């Protein structure tokens, strides 16, 4: 799914120097590691980092050097990866335009089609033909932190029984996307 991997975690691009400093603090429990060094690791009641005072509670999101190296290598290939995904998306758009509604764009992370009667075996039929496809995400409002109840969300309520994500990744070819499109069209 990802354009490239860092193993675990991810990369963050900050818009301002202030955001950058805050992100550096928050990535490791909210502890300012640079301040820690300036204090020569001398803070009470213990010299353990976790005992250092913090202005804002943070997380444990920092990466190690191996993860950072993986991310930097992936980043060096990201333009080509994105271009490849754009080619796949454009193939889907060209093949499906006027026949099957779709939602796509942005980072070309996913390619979503809207199918009438999706739940009547269409996903299984595609999988039987060797085509990976799935829902990827479910609506948030059905989960406990968001109320565990379907809300009156007209757009989500409309697409919930229709959306299906088609494969889009670096191991696909333009021909694969054309084949998938043809197989999908056979189902409508």
N, C-alpha and C. Protein backbone atom coordinates (compact mmCIF):
# COMPACT_ATOMS: atom_id res chain seq x y z
N UNK A 1 0.83 -1.19 0.00
CA UNK A 1 0.00 0.00 0.00
C UNK A 1 0.87 1.25 0.00
N UNK A 2 1.90 1.25 0.81
CA UNK A 2 2.73 2.45 0.93
C UNK A 2 3.56 2.66 -0.34
N UNK A 3 3.88 3.91 -0.61
CA UNK A 3 4.77 4.22 -1.72
C UNK A 3 6.17 3.68 -1.42
N UNK A 4 6.59 3.79 -0.16
CA UNK A 4 7.83 3.19 0.30
C UNK A 4 7.74 3.02 1.81
N UNK A 5 8.59 2.18 2.35
CA UNK A 5 8.47 1.82 3.76
C UNK A 5 9.68 2.30 4.56
N UNK A 6 9.43 2.54 5.83
CA UNK A 6 10.51 2.80 6.78
C UNK A 6 10.59 1.64 7.78
N UNK A 7 9.97 0.54 7.44
CA UNK A 7 9.94 -0.61 8.34
C UNK A 7 8.82 -0.48 9.35
N UNK A 8 8.88 0.54 10.16
CA UNK A 8 7.84 0.82 11.15
C UNK A 8 7.87 2.32 11.39
N UNK A 9 6.74 2.92 11.57
CA UNK A 9 6.71 4.37 11.73
C UNK A 9 6.56 5.03 10.38
N UNK A 10 7.11 6.18 10.23
CA UNK A 10 6.98 6.87 8.96
C UNK A 10 7.81 8.13 8.94
N UNK A 11 7.70 8.87 7.85
CA UNK A 11 8.43 10.12 7.71
C UNK A 11 7.44 11.26 7.84
N UNK A 12 7.93 12.38 8.31
CA UNK A 12 7.10 13.55 8.53
C UNK A 12 7.76 14.74 7.87
N UNK A 13 6.99 15.51 7.12
CA UNK A 13 7.47 16.75 6.54
C UNK A 13 6.80 17.88 7.30
N UNK A 14 7.59 18.78 7.85
CA UNK A 14 7.06 19.91 8.62
C UNK A 14 7.09 21.17 7.78
N UNK A 15 6.07 21.99 7.92
CA UNK A 15 5.97 23.22 7.13
C UNK A 15 6.78 24.37 7.73
N UNK A 16 6.99 24.35 9.03
CA UNK A 16 7.69 25.46 9.68
C UNK A 16 8.77 24.93 10.62
N UNK A 17 9.79 25.75 10.90
CA UNK A 17 10.80 25.34 11.89
C UNK A 17 10.19 25.06 13.26
N UNK A 18 9.17 25.80 13.63
CA UNK A 18 8.50 25.59 14.92
C UNK A 18 7.86 24.19 14.96
N UNK A 19 7.17 23.81 13.87
CA UNK A 19 6.58 22.47 13.80
C UNK A 19 7.65 21.39 13.86
N UNK A 20 8.79 21.65 13.22
CA UNK A 20 9.89 20.69 13.22
C UNK A 20 10.40 20.46 14.64
N UNK A 21 10.60 21.53 15.40
CA UNK A 21 11.08 21.39 16.77
C UNK A 21 10.06 20.67 17.64
N UNK A 22 8.79 20.99 17.46
CA UNK A 22 7.74 20.32 18.24
C UNK A 22 7.70 18.83 17.91
N UNK A 23 7.78 18.49 16.62
CA UNK A 23 7.76 17.08 16.21
C UNK A 23 8.94 16.32 16.81
N UNK A 24 10.11 16.95 16.82
CA UNK A 24 11.28 16.30 17.41
C UNK A 24 11.07 16.01 18.89
N UNK A 25 10.40 16.94 19.58
CA UNK A 25 10.10 16.73 21.00
C UNK A 25 9.06 15.63 21.19
N UNK A 26 7.98 15.70 20.43
CA UNK A 26 6.86 14.77 20.63
C UNK A 26 7.21 13.34 20.23
N UNK A 27 8.17 13.16 19.35
CA UNK A 27 8.47 11.81 18.87
C UNK A 27 9.03 10.91 19.96
N UNK A 28 9.53 11.50 21.05
CA UNK A 28 10.10 10.68 22.11
C UNK A 28 9.56 11.14 23.46
N UNK A 29 8.29 10.83 23.69
CA UNK A 29 7.60 11.09 24.96
C UNK A 29 7.44 12.56 25.30
N UNK A 30 7.77 13.47 24.40
CA UNK A 30 7.70 14.90 24.70
C UNK A 30 9.00 15.42 25.29
N UNK A 31 10.01 14.57 25.35
CA UNK A 31 11.29 14.96 25.94
C UNK A 31 12.15 15.65 24.89
N UNK A 32 12.67 16.82 25.26
CA UNK A 32 13.54 17.60 24.38
C UNK A 32 14.95 17.04 24.50
N UNK A 33 15.35 16.21 23.56
CA UNK A 33 16.66 15.56 23.63
C UNK A 33 17.81 16.56 23.52
N UNK A 34 17.60 17.65 22.78
CA UNK A 34 18.66 18.66 22.67
C UNK A 34 18.86 19.38 24.00
N UNK A 35 17.75 19.69 24.68
CA UNK A 35 17.85 20.30 26.01
C UNK A 35 18.52 19.32 26.97
N UNK A 36 18.19 18.07 26.83
CA UNK A 36 18.79 17.03 27.66
C UNK A 36 20.30 17.05 27.51
N UNK A 37 20.78 17.19 26.27
CA UNK A 37 22.22 17.24 26.03
C UNK A 37 22.83 18.52 26.60
N UNK A 38 22.12 19.65 26.41
CA UNK A 38 22.63 20.92 26.94
C UNK A 38 22.74 20.89 28.47
N UNK A 39 21.86 20.15 29.11
CA UNK A 39 21.92 20.00 30.57
C UNK A 39 22.95 18.94 30.99
N UNK A 40 23.67 18.43 30.00
CA UNK A 40 24.70 17.42 30.24
C UNK A 40 24.12 16.19 30.95
N UNK A 41 22.89 15.85 30.57
CA UNK A 41 22.21 14.67 31.13
C UNK A 41 22.08 14.74 32.65
N UNK A 42 22.10 15.95 33.19
CA UNK A 42 22.06 16.11 34.64
C UNK A 42 20.74 16.77 35.03
N UNK A 43 19.77 15.98 35.38
CA UNK A 43 18.49 16.49 35.85
C UNK A 43 17.99 15.58 36.95
N UNK A 44 17.23 16.14 37.84
CA UNK A 44 16.83 15.32 38.97
C UNK A 44 15.39 14.89 38.83
N UNK A 45 14.96 13.91 39.58
CA UNK A 45 15.69 13.22 40.65
C UNK A 45 16.59 12.11 40.13
N UNK A 46 16.59 11.87 38.84
CA UNK A 46 17.37 10.78 38.27
C UNK A 46 17.92 11.26 36.94
N UNK A 47 18.95 10.64 36.48
CA UNK A 47 19.49 11.01 35.17
C UNK A 47 18.84 10.23 34.04
N UNK A 48 17.83 9.44 34.38
CA UNK A 48 17.09 8.74 33.33
C UNK A 48 16.27 9.75 32.54
N UNK A 49 16.30 9.64 31.21
CA UNK A 49 15.63 10.61 30.35
C UNK A 49 14.15 10.75 30.68
N UNK A 50 13.51 9.65 30.99
CA UNK A 50 12.07 9.66 31.20
C UNK A 50 11.69 10.48 32.42
N UNK A 51 12.68 10.77 33.30
CA UNK A 51 12.42 11.58 34.49
C UNK A 51 12.56 13.07 34.20
N UNK A 52 12.95 13.43 33.01
CA UNK A 52 13.10 14.84 32.65
C UNK A 52 11.72 15.46 32.47
N UNK A 53 11.57 16.68 32.92
CA UNK A 53 10.30 17.39 32.77
C UNK A 53 10.03 17.64 31.29
N UNK A 54 8.76 17.74 30.94
CA UNK A 54 8.39 18.00 29.55
C UNK A 54 7.28 19.04 29.53
N UNK A 55 7.20 19.80 28.46
CA UNK A 55 6.16 20.82 28.31
C UNK A 55 4.86 20.23 27.78
N UNK A 56 4.98 19.17 27.01
CA UNK A 56 3.82 18.57 26.36
C UNK A 56 4.05 17.07 26.27
N UNK A 57 3.07 16.26 26.68
CA UNK A 57 3.28 14.81 26.59
C UNK A 57 3.37 14.38 25.13
N UNK A 58 4.25 13.43 24.87
CA UNK A 58 4.44 12.99 23.50
C UNK A 58 4.21 11.50 23.34
N UNK A 59 4.92 10.92 22.41
CA UNK A 59 4.72 9.53 22.01
C UNK A 59 6.07 8.84 21.92
N UNK A 60 6.08 7.60 21.56
CA UNK A 60 7.34 6.91 21.26
C UNK A 60 7.31 6.58 19.77
N UNK A 61 7.67 7.57 18.98
CA UNK A 61 7.56 7.45 17.53
C UNK A 61 8.90 7.60 16.80
N UNK A 62 9.98 7.76 17.55
CA UNK A 62 11.25 7.96 16.86
C UNK A 62 11.70 6.68 16.17
N UNK A 63 12.43 6.85 15.08
CA UNK A 63 12.93 5.70 14.34
C UNK A 63 14.40 5.48 14.68
N UNK A 64 14.87 4.28 14.44
CA UNK A 64 16.30 4.04 14.60
C UNK A 64 16.99 4.33 13.26
N UNK A 65 18.30 4.21 13.24
CA UNK A 65 19.06 4.55 12.04
C UNK A 65 18.75 3.64 10.86
N UNK A 66 18.48 2.36 11.12
CA UNK A 66 18.14 1.43 10.03
C UNK A 66 16.83 1.85 9.38
N UNK A 67 15.83 2.19 10.20
CA UNK A 67 14.55 2.64 9.65
C UNK A 67 14.71 3.94 8.87
N UNK A 68 15.51 4.85 9.41
CA UNK A 68 15.73 6.12 8.72
C UNK A 68 16.43 5.88 7.37
N UNK A 69 17.40 4.97 7.35
CA UNK A 69 18.10 4.66 6.09
C UNK A 69 17.14 4.08 5.06
N UNK A 70 16.26 3.17 5.52
CA UNK A 70 15.25 2.61 4.60
C UNK A 70 14.38 3.73 4.03
N UNK A 71 13.95 4.64 4.89
CA UNK A 71 13.12 5.75 4.44
C UNK A 71 13.82 6.64 3.45
N UNK A 72 15.10 6.93 3.69
CA UNK A 72 15.84 7.80 2.77
C UNK A 72 16.04 7.13 1.41
N UNK A 73 16.30 5.83 1.41
CA UNK A 73 16.41 5.11 0.13
C UNK A 73 15.07 5.14 -0.59
N UNK A 74 13.99 4.85 0.13
CA UNK A 74 12.65 4.91 -0.47
C UNK A 74 12.34 6.29 -1.01
N UNK A 75 12.71 7.31 -0.26
CA UNK A 75 12.46 8.68 -0.69
C UNK A 75 13.19 8.99 -1.99
N UNK A 76 14.39 8.44 -2.15
CA UNK A 76 15.15 8.70 -3.38
C UNK A 76 14.47 8.08 -4.61
N UNK A 77 13.60 7.10 -4.40
CA UNK A 77 12.86 6.46 -5.50
C UNK A 77 11.41 6.94 -5.60
N UNK A 78 11.01 7.85 -4.73
CA UNK A 78 9.58 8.18 -4.62
C UNK A 78 9.01 8.84 -5.87
N UNK A 79 9.79 9.65 -6.57
CA UNK A 79 9.25 10.28 -7.79
C UNK A 79 8.90 9.22 -8.83
N UNK A 80 9.77 8.24 -9.02
CA UNK A 80 9.50 7.17 -9.97
C UNK A 80 8.33 6.30 -9.55
N UNK A 81 8.24 6.05 -8.25
CA UNK A 81 7.13 5.25 -7.72
C UNK A 81 5.80 5.96 -7.95
N UNK A 82 5.77 7.26 -7.65
CA UNK A 82 4.54 8.03 -7.85
C UNK A 82 4.18 8.08 -9.33
N UNK A 83 5.15 8.29 -10.19
CA UNK A 83 4.89 8.32 -11.63
C UNK A 83 4.30 6.99 -12.10
N UNK A 84 4.84 5.88 -11.61
CA UNK A 84 4.32 4.55 -11.97
C UNK A 84 2.86 4.41 -11.53
N UNK A 85 2.56 4.86 -10.32
CA UNK A 85 1.19 4.79 -9.82
C UNK A 85 0.25 5.69 -10.64
N UNK A 86 0.74 6.82 -11.08
CA UNK A 86 -0.07 7.70 -11.92
C UNK A 86 -0.40 7.01 -13.24
N UNK A 87 0.56 6.31 -13.82
CA UNK A 87 0.31 5.56 -15.06
C UNK A 87 -0.77 4.50 -14.84
N UNK A 88 -0.68 3.76 -13.73
CA UNK A 88 -1.69 2.74 -13.43
C UNK A 88 -3.06 3.39 -13.25
N UNK A 89 -3.10 4.48 -12.47
CA UNK A 89 -4.38 5.18 -12.25
C UNK A 89 -4.96 5.70 -13.55
N UNK A 90 -4.11 6.26 -14.39
CA UNK A 90 -4.60 6.78 -15.67
C UNK A 90 -5.15 5.66 -16.55
N UNK A 91 -4.56 4.47 -16.47
CA UNK A 91 -5.09 3.33 -17.22
C UNK A 91 -6.48 2.98 -16.71
N UNK A 92 -6.63 2.91 -15.40
CA UNK A 92 -7.96 2.66 -14.83
C UNK A 92 -8.95 3.73 -15.28
N UNK A 93 -8.55 5.00 -15.18
CA UNK A 93 -9.46 6.09 -15.56
C UNK A 93 -9.90 5.96 -17.02
N UNK A 94 -8.93 5.71 -17.87
CA UNK A 94 -9.23 5.61 -19.31
C UNK A 94 -10.15 4.42 -19.60
N UNK A 95 -9.88 3.29 -18.99
CA UNK A 95 -10.67 2.08 -19.25
C UNK A 95 -12.06 2.13 -18.63
N UNK A 96 -12.20 2.79 -17.49
CA UNK A 96 -13.47 2.75 -16.75
C UNK A 96 -14.34 3.98 -16.95
N UNK A 97 -13.76 5.04 -17.49
CA UNK A 97 -14.48 6.30 -17.63
C UNK A 97 -15.79 6.11 -18.40
N UNK A 98 -16.87 6.60 -17.83
CA UNK A 98 -18.18 6.49 -18.44
C UNK A 98 -18.87 5.16 -18.20
N UNK A 99 -18.15 4.19 -17.65
CA UNK A 99 -18.72 2.86 -17.40
C UNK A 99 -18.91 2.57 -15.91
N UNK A 100 -17.90 2.90 -15.14
CA UNK A 100 -17.93 2.64 -13.70
C UNK A 100 -17.42 3.90 -12.99
N UNK A 101 -18.20 4.45 -12.06
CA UNK A 101 -17.73 5.62 -11.32
C UNK A 101 -16.51 5.26 -10.46
N UNK A 102 -15.61 6.22 -10.30
CA UNK A 102 -14.43 5.98 -9.48
C UNK A 102 -14.06 7.23 -8.71
N UNK A 103 -13.27 7.02 -7.67
CA UNK A 103 -12.73 8.11 -6.85
C UNK A 103 -11.22 7.88 -6.83
N UNK A 104 -10.46 8.85 -7.29
CA UNK A 104 -9.01 8.67 -7.30
C UNK A 104 -8.34 10.03 -7.29
N UNK A 105 -7.03 9.99 -7.22
CA UNK A 105 -6.26 11.23 -7.26
C UNK A 105 -5.34 11.35 -6.07
N UNK A 106 -4.83 12.54 -5.87
CA UNK A 106 -3.93 12.78 -4.75
C UNK A 106 -2.62 12.03 -4.93
N UNK A 107 -2.27 11.25 -3.95
CA UNK A 107 -0.99 10.54 -3.98
C UNK A 107 -1.08 9.22 -4.73
N UNK A 108 -2.24 8.92 -5.29
CA UNK A 108 -2.48 7.67 -6.02
C UNK A 108 -2.17 6.47 -5.13
N UNK A 109 -2.49 6.61 -3.85
CA UNK A 109 -2.28 5.53 -2.89
C UNK A 109 -3.29 4.42 -3.12
N UNK A 110 -4.51 4.80 -3.47
CA UNK A 110 -5.58 3.84 -3.69
C UNK A 110 -6.36 4.21 -4.94
N UNK A 111 -7.06 3.25 -5.52
CA UNK A 111 -7.98 3.53 -6.63
C UNK A 111 -9.32 2.90 -6.28
N UNK A 112 -10.30 3.75 -6.07
CA UNK A 112 -11.61 3.32 -5.59
C UNK A 112 -12.64 3.35 -6.72
N UNK A 113 -13.38 2.26 -6.87
CA UNK A 113 -14.51 2.23 -7.80
C UNK A 113 -15.79 2.10 -6.99
N UNK A 114 -16.88 2.57 -7.57
CA UNK A 114 -18.19 2.47 -6.93
C UNK A 114 -19.04 1.51 -7.75
N UNK A 115 -19.41 0.39 -7.15
CA UNK A 115 -20.16 -0.65 -7.85
C UNK A 115 -21.54 -0.81 -7.24
N UNK A 116 -22.55 -0.83 -8.07
CA UNK A 116 -23.88 -1.19 -7.58
C UNK A 116 -23.83 -2.66 -7.19
N UNK A 117 -24.47 -3.01 -6.13
CA UNK A 117 -24.54 -4.41 -5.67
C UNK A 117 -23.16 -5.04 -5.45
N UNK A 118 -22.24 -4.26 -4.88
CA UNK A 118 -20.90 -4.78 -4.62
C UNK A 118 -20.94 -6.06 -3.78
N UNK A 119 -21.84 -6.09 -2.82
CA UNK A 119 -21.88 -7.21 -1.88
C UNK A 119 -22.48 -8.48 -2.47
N UNK A 120 -22.89 -8.45 -3.71
CA UNK A 120 -23.47 -9.66 -4.33
C UNK A 120 -22.40 -10.46 -5.07
N UNK A 121 -21.27 -10.67 -4.42
CA UNK A 121 -20.25 -11.56 -4.94
C UNK A 121 -19.25 -10.95 -5.90
N UNK A 122 -19.35 -9.66 -6.20
CA UNK A 122 -18.43 -9.08 -7.18
C UNK A 122 -16.98 -9.12 -6.70
N UNK A 123 -16.77 -8.83 -5.44
CA UNK A 123 -15.42 -8.86 -4.90
C UNK A 123 -14.85 -10.28 -4.97
N UNK A 124 -15.66 -11.27 -4.61
CA UNK A 124 -15.21 -12.67 -4.67
C UNK A 124 -14.90 -13.10 -6.10
N UNK A 125 -15.71 -12.66 -7.04
CA UNK A 125 -15.46 -13.02 -8.45
C UNK A 125 -14.15 -12.43 -8.94
N UNK A 126 -13.84 -11.21 -8.54
CA UNK A 126 -12.56 -10.62 -8.92
C UNK A 126 -11.41 -11.39 -8.29
N UNK A 127 -11.55 -11.75 -7.03
CA UNK A 127 -10.49 -12.51 -6.35
C UNK A 127 -10.30 -13.88 -7.00
N UNK A 128 -11.39 -14.51 -7.46
CA UNK A 128 -11.28 -15.80 -8.16
C UNK A 128 -10.48 -15.66 -9.45
N UNK A 129 -10.48 -14.48 -10.03
CA UNK A 129 -9.72 -14.22 -11.26
C UNK A 129 -8.30 -13.75 -10.95
N UNK A 130 -7.91 -13.83 -9.67
CA UNK A 130 -6.55 -13.45 -9.28
C UNK A 130 -6.36 -11.96 -9.08
N UNK A 131 -7.44 -11.22 -8.92
CA UNK A 131 -7.37 -9.77 -8.78
C UNK A 131 -7.55 -9.41 -7.30
N UNK A 132 -6.50 -8.85 -6.72
CA UNK A 132 -6.61 -8.44 -5.33
C UNK A 132 -7.49 -7.19 -5.25
N UNK A 133 -8.43 -7.22 -4.34
CA UNK A 133 -9.31 -6.07 -4.13
C UNK A 133 -9.91 -6.20 -2.74
N UNK A 134 -10.29 -5.07 -2.17
CA UNK A 134 -10.86 -5.11 -0.83
C UNK A 134 -11.47 -3.76 -0.51
N UNK A 135 -11.94 -3.65 0.74
CA UNK A 135 -12.55 -2.41 1.19
C UNK A 135 -11.52 -1.45 1.77
N UNK A 136 -10.39 -1.92 2.19
CA UNK A 136 -9.29 -1.19 2.80
C UNK A 136 -9.67 -0.60 4.15
N UNK A 137 -10.64 0.27 4.20
CA UNK A 137 -11.08 0.87 5.45
C UNK A 137 -12.59 0.77 5.58
N UNK A 138 -13.05 0.75 6.80
CA UNK A 138 -14.48 0.85 7.05
C UNK A 138 -14.76 2.24 7.62
N UNK A 139 -15.98 2.63 7.57
CA UNK A 139 -16.36 3.95 8.10
C UNK A 139 -16.01 4.02 9.58
N UNK A 140 -15.57 5.17 10.05
CA UNK A 140 -15.13 5.32 11.44
C UNK A 140 -16.26 5.34 12.44
N UNK A 141 -17.41 5.87 12.08
CA UNK A 141 -18.46 6.09 13.08
C UNK A 141 -19.01 4.80 13.68
N UNK A 142 -18.73 3.65 13.09
CA UNK A 142 -19.22 2.38 13.65
C UNK A 142 -18.33 1.86 14.77
N UNK A 143 -17.16 2.47 14.96
CA UNK A 143 -16.23 2.02 15.98
C UNK A 143 -16.44 2.76 17.30
N UNK A 144 -16.14 2.09 18.39
CA UNK A 144 -16.40 2.59 19.74
C UNK A 144 -15.92 4.03 19.98
N UNK A 145 -14.67 4.39 19.63
CA UNK A 145 -14.24 5.76 19.94
C UNK A 145 -15.07 6.85 19.25
N UNK A 146 -15.80 6.47 18.21
CA UNK A 146 -16.58 7.45 17.45
C UNK A 146 -18.09 7.27 17.64
N UNK A 147 -18.49 6.51 18.65
CA UNK A 147 -19.90 6.41 18.98
C UNK A 147 -20.56 5.08 18.68
N UNK A 148 -19.91 4.19 17.96
CA UNK A 148 -20.45 2.85 17.65
C UNK A 148 -21.81 2.89 16.97
N UNK A 149 -22.07 3.90 16.18
CA UNK A 149 -23.39 4.05 15.56
C UNK A 149 -23.24 4.75 14.21
N UNK A 150 -23.91 4.20 13.21
CA UNK A 150 -23.90 4.85 11.90
C UNK A 150 -24.59 6.21 12.03
N UNK A 151 -23.87 7.22 11.65
CA UNK A 151 -24.39 8.58 11.72
C UNK A 151 -25.04 8.96 10.39
N UNK A 152 -25.70 10.09 10.39
CA UNK A 152 -26.30 10.61 9.16
C UNK A 152 -25.21 11.33 8.38
N UNK A 153 -24.47 10.56 7.63
CA UNK A 153 -23.38 11.07 6.80
C UNK A 153 -23.73 10.72 5.35
N UNK A 154 -24.41 11.62 4.65
CA UNK A 154 -24.98 11.29 3.34
C UNK A 154 -23.98 10.69 2.35
N UNK A 155 -22.79 11.26 2.24
CA UNK A 155 -21.82 10.74 1.27
C UNK A 155 -21.33 9.36 1.67
N UNK A 156 -20.99 9.18 2.94
CA UNK A 156 -20.53 7.87 3.41
C UNK A 156 -21.64 6.85 3.30
N UNK A 157 -22.85 7.25 3.68
CA UNK A 157 -23.98 6.32 3.59
C UNK A 157 -24.22 5.89 2.14
N UNK A 158 -23.97 6.79 1.20
CA UNK A 158 -24.16 6.46 -0.22
C UNK A 158 -23.10 5.46 -0.70
N UNK A 159 -21.83 5.73 -0.37
CA UNK A 159 -20.78 4.88 -0.94
C UNK A 159 -20.50 3.61 -0.14
N UNK A 160 -21.00 3.53 1.09
CA UNK A 160 -20.64 2.40 1.97
C UNK A 160 -20.85 1.03 1.32
N UNK A 161 -21.94 0.83 0.64
CA UNK A 161 -22.22 -0.49 0.05
C UNK A 161 -21.70 -0.59 -1.39
N UNK A 162 -21.02 0.45 -1.86
CA UNK A 162 -20.58 0.48 -3.25
C UNK A 162 -19.06 0.45 -3.44
N UNK A 163 -18.31 1.03 -2.51
CA UNK A 163 -16.89 1.23 -2.78
C UNK A 163 -16.08 -0.05 -2.71
N UNK A 164 -15.08 -0.11 -3.57
CA UNK A 164 -14.16 -1.24 -3.63
C UNK A 164 -12.84 -0.70 -4.17
N UNK A 165 -11.75 -1.11 -3.55
CA UNK A 165 -10.44 -0.64 -3.98
C UNK A 165 -9.76 -1.66 -4.88
N UNK A 166 -9.25 -1.16 -5.99
CA UNK A 166 -8.51 -1.99 -6.94
C UNK A 166 -7.03 -1.89 -6.64
N UNK A 167 -6.26 -2.88 -7.04
CA UNK A 167 -4.83 -2.84 -6.76
C UNK A 167 -4.13 -1.71 -7.52
N UNK A 168 -3.19 -1.12 -6.85
CA UNK A 168 -2.34 -0.10 -7.47
C UNK A 168 -1.02 -0.11 -6.69
N UNK A 169 0.02 -0.65 -7.30
CA UNK A 169 1.30 -0.75 -6.61
C UNK A 169 2.42 -0.90 -7.64
N UNK A 170 3.63 -0.87 -7.15
CA UNK A 170 4.81 -0.83 -8.01
C UNK A 170 5.01 -2.13 -8.80
N UNK A 171 4.44 -3.23 -8.35
CA UNK A 171 4.62 -4.50 -9.06
C UNK A 171 3.60 -4.72 -10.17
N UNK A 172 2.72 -3.75 -10.38
CA UNK A 172 1.72 -3.85 -11.45
C UNK A 172 2.23 -3.20 -12.72
N UNK A 173 1.70 -3.66 -13.83
CA UNK A 173 2.00 -3.03 -15.11
C UNK A 173 0.74 -2.34 -15.64
N UNK A 174 0.94 -1.54 -16.65
CA UNK A 174 -0.18 -0.89 -17.36
C UNK A 174 -1.13 -1.98 -17.88
N UNK A 175 -0.56 -3.07 -18.38
CA UNK A 175 -1.36 -4.17 -18.91
C UNK A 175 -2.19 -4.84 -17.81
N UNK A 176 -1.62 -4.95 -16.62
CA UNK A 176 -2.38 -5.50 -15.48
C UNK A 176 -3.61 -4.66 -15.19
N UNK A 177 -3.44 -3.34 -15.18
CA UNK A 177 -4.57 -2.44 -14.90
C UNK A 177 -5.62 -2.54 -15.99
N UNK A 178 -5.20 -2.70 -17.24
CA UNK A 178 -6.16 -2.85 -18.34
C UNK A 178 -6.93 -4.17 -18.19
N UNK A 179 -6.22 -5.25 -17.84
CA UNK A 179 -6.87 -6.55 -17.62
C UNK A 179 -7.89 -6.46 -16.48
N UNK A 180 -7.49 -5.87 -15.37
CA UNK A 180 -8.39 -5.73 -14.22
C UNK A 180 -9.62 -4.93 -14.61
N UNK A 181 -9.42 -3.87 -15.37
CA UNK A 181 -10.56 -3.05 -15.82
C UNK A 181 -11.52 -3.87 -16.66
N UNK A 182 -10.98 -4.66 -17.59
CA UNK A 182 -11.84 -5.50 -18.45
C UNK A 182 -12.63 -6.52 -17.63
N UNK A 183 -11.97 -7.14 -16.66
CA UNK A 183 -12.64 -8.11 -15.81
C UNK A 183 -13.73 -7.45 -14.96
N UNK A 184 -13.45 -6.26 -14.50
CA UNK A 184 -14.44 -5.53 -13.70
C UNK A 184 -15.64 -5.14 -14.55
N UNK A 185 -15.40 -4.70 -15.76
CA UNK A 185 -16.50 -4.31 -16.66
C UNK A 185 -17.41 -5.50 -16.96
N UNK A 186 -16.83 -6.70 -17.04
CA UNK A 186 -17.64 -7.90 -17.28
C UNK A 186 -18.67 -8.13 -16.16
N UNK A 187 -18.38 -7.61 -14.98
CA UNK A 187 -19.27 -7.84 -13.82
C UNK A 187 -20.44 -6.87 -13.74
N UNK A 188 -20.41 -5.81 -14.54
CA UNK A 188 -21.51 -4.84 -14.43
C UNK A 188 -22.61 -5.13 -15.44
